């Protein structure tokens, strides 16, 4: 295997190898830390403690302006039908945040406990 040189630590045998497939699916430490800081700053708008899945989704999408979102059809929009077993989350809080897709379109995402969810603006 060819060794590449790095300025600070000398030769490194893994310098030219691509990241593993599992690593590509993660948001990364910096984006996760940024999401946690944004959640801490928005603690007054949170009525629940976000789950790990919600934090990871917020980090993945580089979410901003987080707040709690009550999953109650009499109070907020909840898509019909709630698919993939999310019916049990009705009446509980989800995490809502804004984000931009790769094309610059603004999304307002609502994420369930496991990180899955829906876009409130997708119909517009």
PDB file of N, CA and C in Angstrom:
ATOM      1  N   UNK A   1       0.839  -1.178   0.000  1.00  0.00           N
ATOM      2  CA  UNK A   1       0.000   0.000   0.000  1.00  0.00           C
ATOM      3  C   UNK A   1       0.885   1.243   0.000  1.00  0.00           C
ATOM      4  N   UNK A   2       0.546   2.204  -0.818  1.00  0.00           N
ATOM      5  CA  UNK A   2       1.309   3.433  -0.927  1.00  0.00           C
ATOM      6  C   UNK A   2       1.039   4.313   0.285  1.00  0.00           C
ATOM      7  N   UNK A   3       2.092   4.908   0.811  1.00  0.00           N
ATOM      8  CA  UNK A   3       1.937   5.768   1.964  1.00  0.00           C
ATOM      9  C   UNK A   3       1.974   7.226   1.536  1.00  0.00           C
ATOM     10  N   UNK A   4       1.022   8.005   2.036  1.00  0.00           N
ATOM     11  CA  UNK A   4       0.989   9.430   1.750  1.00  0.00           C
ATOM     12  C   UNK A   4       1.639  10.173   2.901  1.00  0.00           C
ATOM     13  N   UNK A   5       2.176  11.312   2.619  1.00  0.00           N
ATOM     14  CA  UNK A   5       2.836  12.095   3.648  1.00  0.00           C
ATOM     15  C   UNK A   5       1.899  13.186   4.146  1.00  0.00           C
ATOM     16  N   UNK A   6       1.880  13.386   5.453  1.00  0.00           N
ATOM     17  CA  UNK A   6       1.137  14.498   6.035  1.00  0.00           C
ATOM     18  C   UNK A   6       2.128  15.420   6.718  1.00  0.00           C
ATOM     19  N   UNK A   7       1.820  16.671   6.763  1.00  0.00           N
ATOM     20  CA  UNK A   7       2.757  17.658   7.263  1.00  0.00           C
ATOM     21  C   UNK A   7       3.058  17.490   8.743  1.00  0.00           C
ATOM     22  N   UNK A   8       2.076  17.189   9.565  1.00  0.00           N
ATOM     23  CA  UNK A   8       2.271  17.157  11.014  1.00  0.00           C
ATOM     24  C   UNK A   8       2.702  15.817  11.570  1.00  0.00           C
ATOM     25  N   UNK A   9       2.211  14.731  11.006  1.00  0.00           N
ATOM     26  CA  UNK A   9       2.457  13.448  11.660  1.00  0.00           C
ATOM     27  C   UNK A   9       3.225  12.439  10.816  1.00  0.00           C
ATOM     28  N   UNK A  10       3.757  12.837   9.698  1.00  0.00           N
ATOM     29  CA  UNK A  10       4.534  11.916   8.883  1.00  0.00           C
ATOM     30  C   UNK A  10       3.649  11.039   8.024  1.00  0.00           C
ATOM     31  N   UNK A  11       4.168   9.898   7.542  1.00  0.00           N
ATOM     32  CA  UNK A  11       3.399   9.049   6.632  1.00  0.00           C
ATOM     33  C   UNK A  11       2.151   8.459   7.299  1.00  0.00           C
ATOM     34  N   UNK A  12       1.115   8.322   6.500  1.00  0.00           N
ATOM     35  CA  UNK A  12      -0.144   7.770   6.992  1.00  0.00           C
ATOM     36  C   UNK A  12      -0.674   6.832   5.915  1.00  0.00           C
ATOM     37  N   UNK A  13      -0.840   5.567   6.223  1.00  0.00           N
ATOM     38  CA  UNK A  13      -1.187   4.577   5.214  1.00  0.00           C
ATOM     39  C   UNK A  13      -2.634   4.639   4.744  1.00  0.00           C
ATOM     40  N   UNK A  14      -3.523   5.362   5.452  1.00  0.00           N
ATOM     41  CA  UNK A  14      -4.929   5.419   5.065  1.00  0.00           C
ATOM     42  C   UNK A  14      -5.302   6.737   4.389  1.00  0.00           C
ATOM     43  N   UNK A  15      -4.345   7.553   4.047  1.00  0.00           N
ATOM     44  CA  UNK A  15      -4.619   8.903   3.549  1.00  0.00           C
ATOM     45  C   UNK A  15      -5.462   8.923   2.283  1.00  0.00           C
ATOM     46  N   UNK A  16      -5.284   7.999   1.359  1.00  0.00           N
ATOM     47  CA  UNK A  16      -6.006   8.050   0.100  1.00  0.00           C
ATOM     48  C   UNK A  16      -7.260   7.212   0.042  1.00  0.00           C
ATOM     49  N   UNK A  17      -7.620   6.495   1.106  1.00  0.00           N
ATOM     50  CA  UNK A  17      -8.767   5.598   1.081  1.00  0.00           C
ATOM     51  C   UNK A  17     -10.071   6.345   1.355  1.00  0.00           C
ATOM     52  N   UNK A  18     -11.134   5.991   0.654  1.00  0.00           N
ATOM     53  CA  UNK A  18     -12.429   6.637   0.903  1.00  0.00           C
ATOM     54  C   UNK A  18     -13.011   6.184   2.246  1.00  0.00           C
ATOM     55  N   UNK A  19     -13.897   6.995   2.835  1.00  0.00           N
ATOM     56  CA  UNK A  19     -14.519   6.596   4.101  1.00  0.00           C
ATOM     57  C   UNK A  19     -15.415   5.373   3.918  1.00  0.00           C
ATOM     58  N   UNK A  20     -15.610   4.634   4.989  1.00  0.00           N
ATOM     59  CA  UNK A  20     -16.459   3.438   4.933  1.00  0.00           C
ATOM     60  C   UNK A  20     -17.902   3.846   4.647  1.00  0.00           C
ATOM     61  N   UNK A  21     -18.721   2.935   4.079  1.00  0.00           N
ATOM     62  CA  UNK A  21     -20.123   3.267   3.781  1.00  0.00           C
ATOM     63  C   UNK A  21     -20.913   3.671   5.023  1.00  0.00           C
ATOM     64  N   UNK A  22     -20.639   3.054   6.161  1.00  0.00           N
ATOM     65  CA  UNK A  22     -21.363   3.401   7.385  1.00  0.00           C
ATOM     66  C   UNK A  22     -21.037   4.825   7.815  1.00  0.00           C
ATOM     67  N   UNK A  23     -19.816   5.253   7.595  1.00  0.00           N
ATOM     68  CA  UNK A  23     -19.422   6.601   7.996  1.00  0.00           C
ATOM     69  C   UNK A  23     -20.083   7.661   7.119  1.00  0.00           C
ATOM     70  N   UNK A  24     -20.344   7.360   5.859  1.00  0.00           N
ATOM     71  CA  UNK A  24     -20.999   8.310   4.969  1.00  0.00           C
ATOM     72  C   UNK A  24     -22.423   8.608   5.417  1.00  0.00           C
ATOM     73  N   UNK A  25     -23.070   7.666   6.090  1.00  0.00           N
ATOM     74  CA  UNK A  25     -24.457   7.832   6.503  1.00  0.00           C
ATOM     75  C   UNK A  25     -24.621   8.652   7.774  1.00  0.00           C
ATOM     76  N   UNK A  26     -23.542   8.981   8.438  1.00  0.00           N
ATOM     77  CA  UNK A  26     -23.624   9.751   9.678  1.00  0.00           C
ATOM     78  C   UNK A  26     -23.454  11.237   9.396  1.00  0.00           C
ATOM     79  N   UNK A  27     -23.969  12.056  10.300  1.00  0.00           N
ATOM     80  CA  UNK A  27     -23.911  13.505  10.120  1.00  0.00           C
ATOM     81  C   UNK A  27     -22.532  14.069  10.431  1.00  0.00           C
ATOM     82  N   UNK A  28     -21.777  13.444  11.282  1.00  0.00           N
ATOM     83  CA  UNK A  28     -20.467  13.955  11.650  1.00  0.00           C
ATOM     84  C   UNK A  28     -20.500  14.657  12.995  1.00  0.00           C
ATOM     85  N   UNK A  29     -19.345  14.745  13.594  1.00  0.00           N
ATOM     86  CA  UNK A  29     -19.224  15.313  14.937  1.00  0.00           C
ATOM     87  C   UNK A  29     -19.563  16.792  14.948  1.00  0.00           C
ATOM     88  N   UNK A  30     -19.064  17.551  13.972  1.00  0.00           N
ATOM     89  CA  UNK A  30     -19.273  18.998  13.964  1.00  0.00           C
ATOM     90  C   UNK A  30     -20.743  19.331  13.783  1.00  0.00           C
ATOM     91  N   UNK A  31     -21.418  18.673  12.841  1.00  0.00           N
ATOM     92  CA  UNK A  31     -22.833  18.958  12.627  1.00  0.00           C
ATOM     93  C   UNK A  31     -23.682  18.496  13.806  1.00  0.00           C
ATOM     94  N   UNK A  32     -23.304  17.390  14.437  1.00  0.00           N
ATOM     95  CA  UNK A  32     -24.040  16.924  15.615  1.00  0.00           C
ATOM     96  C   UNK A  32     -23.870  17.904  16.772  1.00  0.00           C
ATOM     97  N   UNK A  33     -22.646  18.375  16.988  1.00  0.00           N
ATOM     98  CA  UNK A  33     -22.395  19.367  18.045  1.00  0.00           C
ATOM     99  C   UNK A  33     -23.165  20.655  17.765  1.00  0.00           C
ATOM    100  N   UNK A  34     -23.206  21.070  16.502  1.00  0.00           N
ATOM    101  CA  UNK A  34     -23.944  22.282  16.126  1.00  0.00           C
ATOM    102  C   UNK A  34     -25.432  22.113  16.431  1.00  0.00           C
ATOM    103  N   UNK A  35     -25.981  20.932  16.143  1.00  0.00           N
ATOM    104  CA  UNK A  35     -27.394  20.670  16.427  1.00  0.00           C
ATOM    105  C   UNK A  35     -27.665  20.720  17.928  1.00  0.00           C
ATOM    106  N   UNK A  36     -26.771  20.156  18.721  1.00  0.00           N
ATOM    107  CA  UNK A  36     -26.945  20.159  20.176  1.00  0.00           C
ATOM    108  C   UNK A  36     -26.901  21.586  20.719  1.00  0.00           C
ATOM    109  N   UNK A  37     -25.991  22.398  20.206  1.00  0.00           N
ATOM    110  CA  UNK A  37     -25.906  23.797  20.639  1.00  0.00           C
ATOM    111  C   UNK A  37     -27.184  24.544  20.256  1.00  0.00           C
ATOM    112  N   UNK A  38     -27.679  24.333  19.054  1.00  0.00           N
ATOM    113  CA  UNK A  38     -28.917  24.998  18.624  1.00  0.00           C
ATOM    114  C   UNK A  38     -30.102  24.559  19.477  1.00  0.00           C
ATOM    115  N   UNK A  39     -30.147  23.285  19.858  1.00  0.00           N
ATOM    116  CA  UNK A  39     -31.214  22.801  20.734  1.00  0.00           C
ATOM    117  C   UNK A  39     -31.107  23.439  22.119  1.00  0.00           C
ATOM    118  N   UNK A  40     -29.888  23.552  22.631  1.00  0.00           N
ATOM    119  CA  UNK A  40     -29.695  24.165  23.946  1.00  0.00           C
ATOM    120  C   UNK A  40     -30.125  25.630  23.942  1.00  0.00           C
ATOM    121  N   UNK A  41     -29.800  26.339  22.877  1.00  0.00           N
ATOM    122  CA  UNK A  41     -30.183  27.756  22.783  1.00  0.00           C
ATOM    123  C   UNK A  41     -31.697  27.927  22.641  1.00  0.00           C
ATOM    124  N   UNK A  42     -32.367  26.942  22.086  1.00  0.00           N
ATOM    125  CA  UNK A  42     -33.810  27.020  21.859  1.00  0.00           C
ATOM    126  C   UNK A  42     -34.604  26.296  22.945  1.00  0.00           C
ATOM    127  N   UNK A  43     -34.013  26.083  24.106  1.00  0.00           N
ATOM    128  CA  UNK A  43     -34.672  25.265  25.137  1.00  0.00           C
ATOM    129  C   UNK A  43     -36.033  25.822  25.559  1.00  0.00           C
ATOM    130  N   UNK A  44     -36.259  27.122  25.431  1.00  0.00           N
ATOM    131  CA  UNK A  44     -37.554  27.694  25.816  1.00  0.00           C
ATOM    132  C   UNK A  44     -38.671  27.300  24.844  1.00  0.00           C
ATOM    133  N   UNK A  45     -38.306  26.944  23.620  1.00  0.00           N
ATOM    134  CA  UNK A  45     -39.311  26.539  22.624  1.00  0.00           C
ATOM    135  C   UNK A  45     -39.514  25.029  22.598  1.00  0.00           C
ATOM    136  N   UNK A  46     -38.806  24.321  23.463  1.00  0.00           N
ATOM    137  CA  UNK A  46     -38.925  22.859  23.503  1.00  0.00           C
ATOM    138  C   UNK A  46     -39.780  22.444  24.691  1.00  0.00           C
ATOM    139  N   UNK A  47     -40.800  21.662  24.417  1.00  0.00           N
ATOM    140  CA  UNK A  47     -41.661  21.143  25.474  1.00  0.00           C
ATOM    141  C   UNK A  47     -41.366  19.681  25.760  1.00  0.00           C
ATOM    142  N   UNK A  48     -40.333  19.149  25.138  1.00  0.00           N
ATOM    143  CA  UNK A  48     -39.928  17.762  25.354  1.00  0.00           C
ATOM    144  C   UNK A  48     -38.413  17.685  25.234  1.00  0.00           C
ATOM    145  N   UNK A  49     -37.864  16.585  25.660  1.00  0.00           N
ATOM    146  CA  UNK A  49     -36.435  16.347  25.508  1.00  0.00           C
ATOM    147  C   UNK A  49     -36.228  15.562  24.216  1.00  0.00           C
ATOM    148  N   UNK A  50     -35.547  16.164  23.215  1.00  0.00           N
ATOM    149  CA  UNK A  50     -35.355  15.476  21.933  1.00  0.00           C
ATOM    150  C   UNK A  50     -34.607  14.153  22.095  1.00  0.00           C
ATOM    151  N   UNK A  51     -35.011  13.179  21.307  1.00  0.00           N
ATOM    152  CA  UNK A  51     -34.372  11.862  21.330  1.00  0.00           C
ATOM    153  C   UNK A  51     -33.102  11.885  20.481  1.00  0.00           C
ATOM    154  N   UNK A  52     -32.318  10.846  20.604  1.00  0.00           N
ATOM    155  CA  UNK A  52     -31.102  10.734  19.809  1.00  0.00           C
ATOM    156  C   UNK A  52     -31.429  10.732  18.309  1.00  0.00           C
ATOM    157  N   UNK A  53     -32.491  10.044  17.915  1.00  0.00           N
ATOM    158  CA  UNK A  53     -32.902  10.021  16.514  1.00  0.00           C
ATOM    159  C   UNK A  53     -33.265  11.410  15.997  1.00  0.00           C
ATOM    160  N   UNK A  54     -33.935  12.205  16.823  1.00  0.00           N
ATOM    161  CA  UNK A  54     -34.302  13.566  16.429  1.00  0.00           C
ATOM    162  C   UNK A  54     -33.067  14.457  16.310  1.00  0.00           C
ATOM    163  N   UNK A  55     -32.131  14.313  17.235  1.00  0.00           N
ATOM    164  CA  UNK A  55     -30.889  15.095  17.182  1.00  0.00           C
ATOM    165  C   UNK A  55     -30.085  14.716  15.950  1.00  0.00           C
ATOM    166  N   UNK A  56     -30.002  13.418  15.651  1.00  0.00           N
ATOM    167  CA  UNK A  56     -29.260  12.976  14.469  1.00  0.00           C
ATOM    168  C   UNK A  56     -29.904  13.488  13.185  1.00  0.00           C
ATOM    169  N   UNK A  57     -31.234  13.489  13.117  1.00  0.00           N
ATOM    170  CA  UNK A  57     -31.914  14.011  11.929  1.00  0.00           C
ATOM    171  C   UNK A  57     -31.656  15.507  11.785  1.00  0.00           C
ATOM    172  N   UNK A  58     -31.709  16.238  12.885  1.00  0.00           N
ATOM    173  CA  UNK A  58     -31.443  17.672  12.837  1.00  0.00           C
ATOM    174  C   UNK A  58     -30.008  17.929  12.387  1.00  0.00           C
ATOM    175  N   UNK A  59     -29.070  17.137  12.866  1.00  0.00           N
ATOM    176  CA  UNK A  59     -27.675  17.286  12.456  1.00  0.00           C
ATOM    177  C   UNK A  59     -27.504  16.946  10.980  1.00  0.00           C
ATOM    178  N   UNK A  60     -28.134  15.870  10.518  1.00  0.00           N
ATOM    179  CA  UNK A  60     -28.003  15.440   9.124  1.00  0.00           C
ATOM    180  C   UNK A  60     -28.488  16.521   8.160  1.00  0.00           C
ATOM    181  N   UNK A  61     -29.628  17.150   8.497  1.00  0.00           N
ATOM    182  CA  UNK A  61     -30.212  18.176   7.636  1.00  0.00           C
ATOM    183  C   UNK A  61     -29.701  19.583   7.960  1.00  0.00           C
ATOM    184  N   UNK A  62     -28.764  19.705   8.908  1.00  0.00           N
ATOM    185  CA  UNK A  62     -28.245  20.999   9.358  1.00  0.00           C
ATOM    186  C   UNK A  62     -29.411  21.903   9.761  1.00  0.00           C
ATOM    187  N   UNK A  63     -30.278  21.366  10.629  1.00  0.00           N
ATOM    188  CA  UNK A  63     -31.499  22.051  11.030  1.00  0.00           C
ATOM    189  C   UNK A  63     -31.269  23.295  11.861  1.00  0.00           C
ATOM    190  N   UNK A  64     -32.205  24.223  11.739  1.00  0.00           N
ATOM    191  CA  UNK A  64     -32.173  25.489  12.475  1.00  0.00           C
ATOM    192  C   UNK A  64     -33.554  25.751  13.075  1.00  0.00           C
ATOM    193  N   UNK A  65     -33.602  26.638  14.053  1.00  0.00           N
ATOM    194  CA  UNK A  65     -34.843  27.062  14.690  1.00  0.00           C
ATOM    195  C   UNK A  65     -35.682  25.885  15.194  1.00  0.00           C
ATOM    196  N   UNK A  66     -35.127  25.036  16.060  1.00  0.00           N
ATOM    197  CA  UNK A  66     -35.892  23.886  16.556  1.00  0.00           C
ATOM    198  C   UNK A  66     -36.987  24.285  17.538  1.00  0.00           C
ATOM    199  N   UNK A  67     -38.067  23.520  17.513  1.00  0.00           N
ATOM    200  CA  UNK A  67     -39.138  23.695  18.490  1.00  0.00           C
ATOM    201  C   UNK A  67     -39.926  22.386  18.575  1.00  0.00           C
ATOM    202  N   UNK A  68     -40.676  22.246  19.643  1.00  0.00           N
ATOM    203  CA  UNK A  68     -41.530  21.071  19.801  1.00  0.00           C
ATOM    204  C   UNK A  68     -42.759  21.215  18.917  1.00  0.00           C
ATOM    205  N   UNK A  69     -43.268  20.096  18.447  1.00  0.00           N
ATOM    206  CA  UNK A  69     -44.439  20.061  17.561  1.00  0.00           C
ATOM    207  C   UNK A  69     -45.372  18.982  18.085  1.00  0.00           C
ATOM    208  N   UNK A  70     -46.529  19.383  18.593  1.00  0.00           N
ATOM    209  CA  UNK A  70     -47.490  18.432  19.146  1.00  0.00           C
ATOM    210  C   UNK A  70     -48.174  17.665  18.019  1.00  0.00           C
ATOM    211  N   UNK A  71     -48.073  16.364  18.063  1.00  0.00           N
ATOM    212  CA  UNK A  71     -48.687  15.503  17.048  1.00  0.00           C
ATOM    213  C   UNK A  71     -50.139  15.237  17.429  1.00  0.00           C
ATOM    214  N   UNK A  72     -50.971  16.254  17.226  1.00  0.00           N
ATOM    215  CA  UNK A  72     -52.392  16.183  17.547  1.00  0.00           C
ATOM    216  C   UNK A  72     -53.149  16.857  16.401  1.00  0.00           C
ATOM    217  N   UNK A  73     -54.004  16.110  15.731  1.00  0.00           N
ATOM    218  CA  UNK A  73     -54.708  16.638  14.563  1.00  0.00           C
ATOM    219  C   UNK A  73     -55.637  17.801  14.890  1.00  0.00           C
ATOM    220  N   UNK A  74     -56.058  17.937  16.132  1.00  0.00           N
ATOM    221  CA  UNK A  74     -56.927  19.064  16.494  1.00  0.00           C
ATOM    222  C   UNK A  74     -56.129  20.346  16.688  1.00  0.00           C
ATOM    223  N   UNK A  75     -54.795  20.243  16.835  1.00  0.00           N
ATOM    224  CA  UNK A  75     -53.949  21.407  17.083  1.00  0.00           C
ATOM    225  C   UNK A  75     -53.043  21.725  15.895  1.00  0.00           C
ATOM    226  N   UNK A  76     -52.399  20.724  15.325  1.00  0.00           N
ATOM    227  CA  UNK A  76     -51.412  20.895  14.251  1.00  0.00           C
ATOM    228  C   UNK A  76     -51.716  19.970  13.084  1.00  0.00           C
ATOM    229  N   UNK A  77     -51.084  20.273  11.948  1.00  0.00           N
ATOM    230  CA  UNK A  77     -51.196  19.403  10.792  1.00  0.00           C
ATOM    231  C   UNK A  77     -50.432  18.111  11.051  1.00  0.00           C
ATOM    232  N   UNK A  78     -51.099  16.997  10.840  1.00  0.00           N
ATOM    233  CA  UNK A  78     -50.477  15.676  10.906  1.00  0.00           C
ATOM    234  C   UNK A  78     -50.962  14.937   9.668  1.00  0.00           C
ATOM    235  N   UNK A  79     -50.031  14.451   8.825  1.00  0.00           N
ATOM    236  CA  UNK A  79     -50.467  13.806   7.580  1.00  0.00           C
ATOM    237  C   UNK A  79     -51.341  12.583   7.837  1.00  0.00           C
ATOM    238  N   UNK A  80     -52.236  12.349   6.927  1.00  0.00           N
ATOM    239  CA  UNK A  80     -53.154  11.211   7.022  1.00  0.00           C
ATOM    240  C   UNK A  80     -52.833  10.254   5.894  1.00  0.00           C
ATOM    241  N   UNK A  81     -52.623   9.023   6.035  1.00  0.00           N
ATOM    242  CA  UNK A  81     -52.481   8.332   7.324  1.00  0.00           C
ATOM    243  C   UNK A  81     -51.053   8.410   7.849  1.00  0.00           C
ATOM    244  N   UNK A  82     -50.904   8.267   9.138  1.00  0.00           N
ATOM    245  CA  UNK A  82     -49.571   8.176   9.741  1.00  0.00           C
ATOM    246  C   UNK A  82     -49.066   6.770   9.453  1.00  0.00           C
ATOM    247  N   UNK A  83     -48.095   6.674   8.562  1.00  0.00           N
ATOM    248  CA  UNK A  83     -47.603   5.371   8.109  1.00  0.00           C
ATOM    249  C   UNK A  83     -46.420   4.892   8.940  1.00  0.00           C
ATOM    250  N   UNK A  84     -46.043   3.664   8.714  1.00  0.00           N
ATOM    251  CA  UNK A  84     -44.844   3.046   9.279  1.00  0.00           C
ATOM    252  C   UNK A  84     -44.848   2.989  10.800  1.00  0.00           C
ATOM    253  N   UNK A  85     -46.014   2.828  11.401  1.00  0.00           N
ATOM    254  CA  UNK A  85     -46.087   2.641  12.835  1.00  0.00           C
ATOM    255  C   UNK A  85     -46.035   3.909  13.663  1.00  0.00           C
ATOM    256  N   UNK A  86     -46.191   5.073  13.042  1.00  0.00           N
ATOM    257  CA  UNK A  86     -46.138   6.328  13.792  1.00  0.00           C
ATOM    258  C   UNK A  86     -47.451   6.664  14.489  1.00  0.00           C
ATOM    259  N   UNK A  87     -48.469   5.835  14.307  1.00  0.00           N
ATOM    260  CA  UNK A  87     -49.747   6.102  14.973  1.00  0.00           C
ATOM    261  C   UNK A  87     -49.577   6.185  16.481  1.00  0.00           C
ATOM    262  N   UNK A  88     -48.664   5.420  17.029  1.00  0.00           N
ATOM    263  CA  UNK A  88     -48.462   5.407  18.482  1.00  0.00           C
ATOM    264  C   UNK A  88     -47.860   6.711  18.999  1.00  0.00           C
ATOM    265  N   UNK A  89     -47.358   7.555  18.100  1.00  0.00           N
ATOM    266  CA  UNK A  89     -46.763   8.822  18.525  1.00  0.00           C
ATOM    267  C   UNK A  89     -47.776   9.967  18.554  1.00  0.00           C
ATOM    268  N   UNK A  90     -49.003   9.720  18.105  1.00  0.00           N
ATOM    269  CA  UNK A  90     -50.026  10.758  18.181  1.00  0.00           C
ATOM    270  C   UNK A  90     -50.234  11.161  19.633  1.00  0.00           C
ATOM    271  N   UNK A  91     -50.349  12.453  19.867  1.00  0.00           N
ATOM    272  CA  UNK A  91     -50.495  12.970  21.223  1.00  0.00           C
ATOM    273  C   UNK A  91     -49.174  13.293  21.891  1.00  0.00           C
ATOM    274  N   UNK A  92     -48.064  12.926  21.285  1.00  0.00           N
ATOM    275  CA  UNK A  92     -46.741  13.220  21.833  1.00  0.00           C
ATOM    276  C   UNK A  92     -46.095  14.346  21.042  1.00  0.00           C
ATOM    277  N   UNK A  93     -44.956  14.831  21.526  1.00  0.00           N
ATOM    278  CA  UNK A  93     -44.232  15.889  20.843  1.00  0.00           C
ATOM    279  C   UNK A  93     -43.191  15.320  19.890  1.00  0.00           C
ATOM    280  N   UNK A  94     -43.094  15.953  18.741  1.00  0.00           N
ATOM    281  CA  UNK A  94     -42.031  15.677  17.775  1.00  0.00           C
ATOM    282  C   UNK A  94     -41.132  16.909  17.746  1.00  0.00           C
ATOM    283  N   UNK A  95     -40.016  16.815  17.034  1.00  0.00           N
ATOM    284  CA  UNK A  95     -39.102  17.947  16.907  1.00  0.00           C
ATOM    285  C   UNK A  95     -39.279  18.551  15.517  1.00  0.00           C
ATOM    286  N   UNK A  96     -39.539  19.836  15.464  1.00  0.00           N
ATOM    287  CA  UNK A  96     -39.665  20.548  14.204  1.00  0.00           C
ATOM    288  C   UNK A  96     -38.474  21.485  14.043  1.00  0.00           C
ATOM    289  N   UNK A  97     -37.955  21.593  12.821  1.00  0.00           N
ATOM    290  CA  UNK A  97     -36.860  22.525  12.536  1.00  0.00           C
ATOM    291  C   UNK A  97     -36.873  22.869  11.055  1.00  0.00           C
ATOM    292  N   UNK A  98     -36.234  23.974  10.708  1.00  0.00           N
ATOM    293  CA  UNK A  98     -36.125  24.365   9.308  1.00  0.00           C
ATOM    294  C   UNK A  98     -34.786  23.927   8.757  1.00  0.00           C
ATOM    295  N   UNK A  99     -34.761  23.745   7.439  1.00  0.00           N
ATOM    296  CA  UNK A  99     -33.551  23.300   6.755  1.00  0.00           C
ATOM    297  C   UNK A  99     -33.667  23.691   5.291  1.00  0.00           C
ATOM    298  N   UNK A 100     -32.574  23.507   4.552  1.00  0.00           N
ATOM    299  CA  UNK A 100     -32.593  23.730   3.100  1.00  0.00           C
ATOM    300  C   UNK A 100     -32.151  22.448   2.415  1.00  0.00           C
ATOM    301  N   UNK A 101     -32.833  22.115   1.310  1.00  0.00           N
ATOM    302  CA  UNK A 101     -32.413  20.950   0.544  1.00  0.00           C
ATOM    303  C   UNK A 101     -31.246  21.354  -0.372  1.00  0.00           C
ATOM    304  N   UNK A 102     -30.634  20.405  -1.068  1.00  0.00           N
ATOM    305  CA  UNK A 102     -29.476  20.731  -1.917  1.00  0.00           C
ATOM    306  C   UNK A 102     -29.772  21.760  -3.007  1.00  0.00           C
ATOM    307  N   UNK A 103     -31.039  21.965  -3.338  1.00  0.00           N
ATOM    308  CA  UNK A 103     -31.418  22.931  -4.372  1.00  0.00           C
ATOM    309  C   UNK A 103     -31.759  24.303  -3.801  1.00  0.00           C
ATOM    310  N   UNK A 104     -31.637  24.464  -2.478  1.00  0.00           N
ATOM    311  CA  UNK A 104     -31.913  25.742  -1.836  1.00  0.00           C
ATOM    312  C   UNK A 104     -33.341  25.930  -1.379  1.00  0.00           C
ATOM    313  N   UNK A 105     -34.211  24.932  -1.595  1.00  0.00           N
ATOM    314  CA  UNK A 105     -35.606  25.024  -1.172  1.00  0.00           C
ATOM    315  C   UNK A 105     -35.698  24.879   0.343  1.00  0.00           C
ATOM    316  N   UNK A 106     -36.469  25.741   0.985  1.00  0.00           N
ATOM    317  CA  UNK A 106     -36.650  25.681   2.435  1.00  0.00           C
ATOM    318  C   UNK A 106     -37.588  24.535   2.778  1.00  0.00           C
ATOM    319  N   UNK A 107     -37.209  23.770   3.793  1.00  0.00           N
ATOM    320  CA  UNK A 107     -38.044  22.682   4.295  1.00  0.00           C
ATOM    321  C   UNK A 107     -38.331  22.945   5.773  1.00  0.00           C
ATOM    322  N   UNK A 108     -39.507  22.609   6.207  1.00  0.00           N
ATOM    323  CA  UNK A 108     -39.831  22.627   7.632  1.00  0.00           C
ATOM    324  C   UNK A 108     -40.145  21.186   8.011  1.00  0.00           C
ATOM    325  N   UNK A 109     -39.164  20.543   8.627  1.00  0.00           N
ATOM    326  CA  UNK A 109     -39.261  19.119   8.910  1.00  0.00           C
ATOM    327  C   UNK A 109     -39.797  18.871  10.313  1.00  0.00           C
ATOM    328  N   UNK A 110     -40.601  17.839  10.441  1.00  0.00           N
ATOM    329  CA  UNK A 110     -41.098  17.365  11.733  1.00  0.00           C
ATOM    330  C   UNK A 110     -40.571  15.947  11.878  1.00  0.00           C
ATOM    331  N   UNK A 111     -39.774  15.701  12.928  1.00  0.00           N
ATOM    332  CA  UNK A 111     -39.153  14.389  13.098  1.00  0.00           C
ATOM    333  C   UNK A 111     -39.720  13.675  14.315  1.00  0.00           C
ATOM    334  N   UNK A 112     -39.985  12.391  14.121  1.00  0.00           N
ATOM    335  CA  UNK A 112     -40.494  11.540  15.200  1.00  0.00           C
ATOM    336  C   UNK A 112     -39.322  11.082  16.079  1.00  0.00           C
ATOM    337  N   UNK A 113     -39.622  10.254  17.061  1.00  0.00           N
ATOM    338  CA  UNK A 113     -38.593   9.800  18.000  1.00  0.00           C
ATOM    339  C   UNK A 113     -37.435   9.086  17.328  1.00  0.00           C
ATOM    340  N   UNK A 114     -37.703   8.334  16.246  1.00  0.00           N
ATOM    341  CA  UNK A 114     -36.635   7.568  15.596  1.00  0.00           C
ATOM    342  C   UNK A 114     -35.898   8.363  14.515  1.00  0.00           C
ATOM    343  N   UNK A 115     -36.281   9.616  14.293  1.00  0.00           N
ATOM    344  CA  UNK A 115     -35.626  10.450  13.294  1.00  0.00           C
ATOM    345  C   UNK A 115     -36.372  10.530  11.977  1.00  0.00           C
ATOM    346  N   UNK A 116     -37.355   9.663  11.760  1.00  0.00           N
ATOM    347  CA  UNK A 116     -38.181   9.747  10.562  1.00  0.00           C
ATOM    348  C   UNK A 116     -39.190  10.862  10.709  1.00  0.00           C
ATOM    349  N   UNK A 117     -39.794  11.274   9.616  1.00  0.00           N
ATOM    350  CA  UNK A 117     -40.771  12.340   9.738  1.00  0.00           C
ATOM    351  C   UNK A 117     -41.314  12.811   8.413  1.00  0.00           C
ATOM    352  N   UNK A 118     -41.747  14.080   8.376  1.00  0.00           N
ATOM    353  CA  UNK A 118     -42.355  14.639   7.177  1.00  0.00           C
ATOM    354  C   UNK A 118     -42.020  16.118   7.075  1.00  0.00           C
ATOM    355  N   UNK A 119     -42.206  16.656   5.868  1.00  0.00           N
ATOM    356  CA  UNK A 119     -41.961  18.061   5.579  1.00  0.00           C
ATOM    357  C   UNK A 119     -43.283  18.790   5.552  1.00  0.00           C
ATOM    358  N   UNK A 120     -43.432  19.811   6.377  1.00  0.00           N
ATOM    359  CA  UNK A 120     -44.685  20.575   6.417  1.00  0.00           C
ATOM    360  C   UNK A 120     -44.909  21.386   5.145  1.00  0.00           C
ATOM    361  N   UNK A 121     -43.841  21.731   4.432  1.00  0.00           N
ATOM    362  CA  UNK A 121     -43.964  22.580   3.255  1.00  0.00           C
ATOM    363  C   UNK A 121     -43.931  21.809   1.940  1.00  0.00           C
ATOM    364  N   UNK A 122     -43.959  20.493   1.983  1.00  0.00           N
ATOM    365  CA  UNK A 122     -43.797  19.710   0.770  1.00  0.00           C
ATOM    366  C   UNK A 122     -44.948  19.860  -0.217  1.00  0.00           C
ATOM    367  N   UNK A 123     -46.119  20.235   0.236  1.00  0.00           N
ATOM    368  CA  UNK A 123     -47.258  20.390  -0.642  1.00  0.00           C
ATOM    369  C   UNK A 123     -47.327  21.732  -1.326  1.00  0.00           C
ATOM    370  N   UNK A 124     -46.429  22.639  -0.958  1.00  0.00           N
ATOM    371  CA  UNK A 124     -46.487  24.009  -1.508  1.00  0.00           C
ATOM    372  C   UNK A 124     -45.462  24.193  -2.591  1.00  0.00           C
TER     373      UNK A 124
END
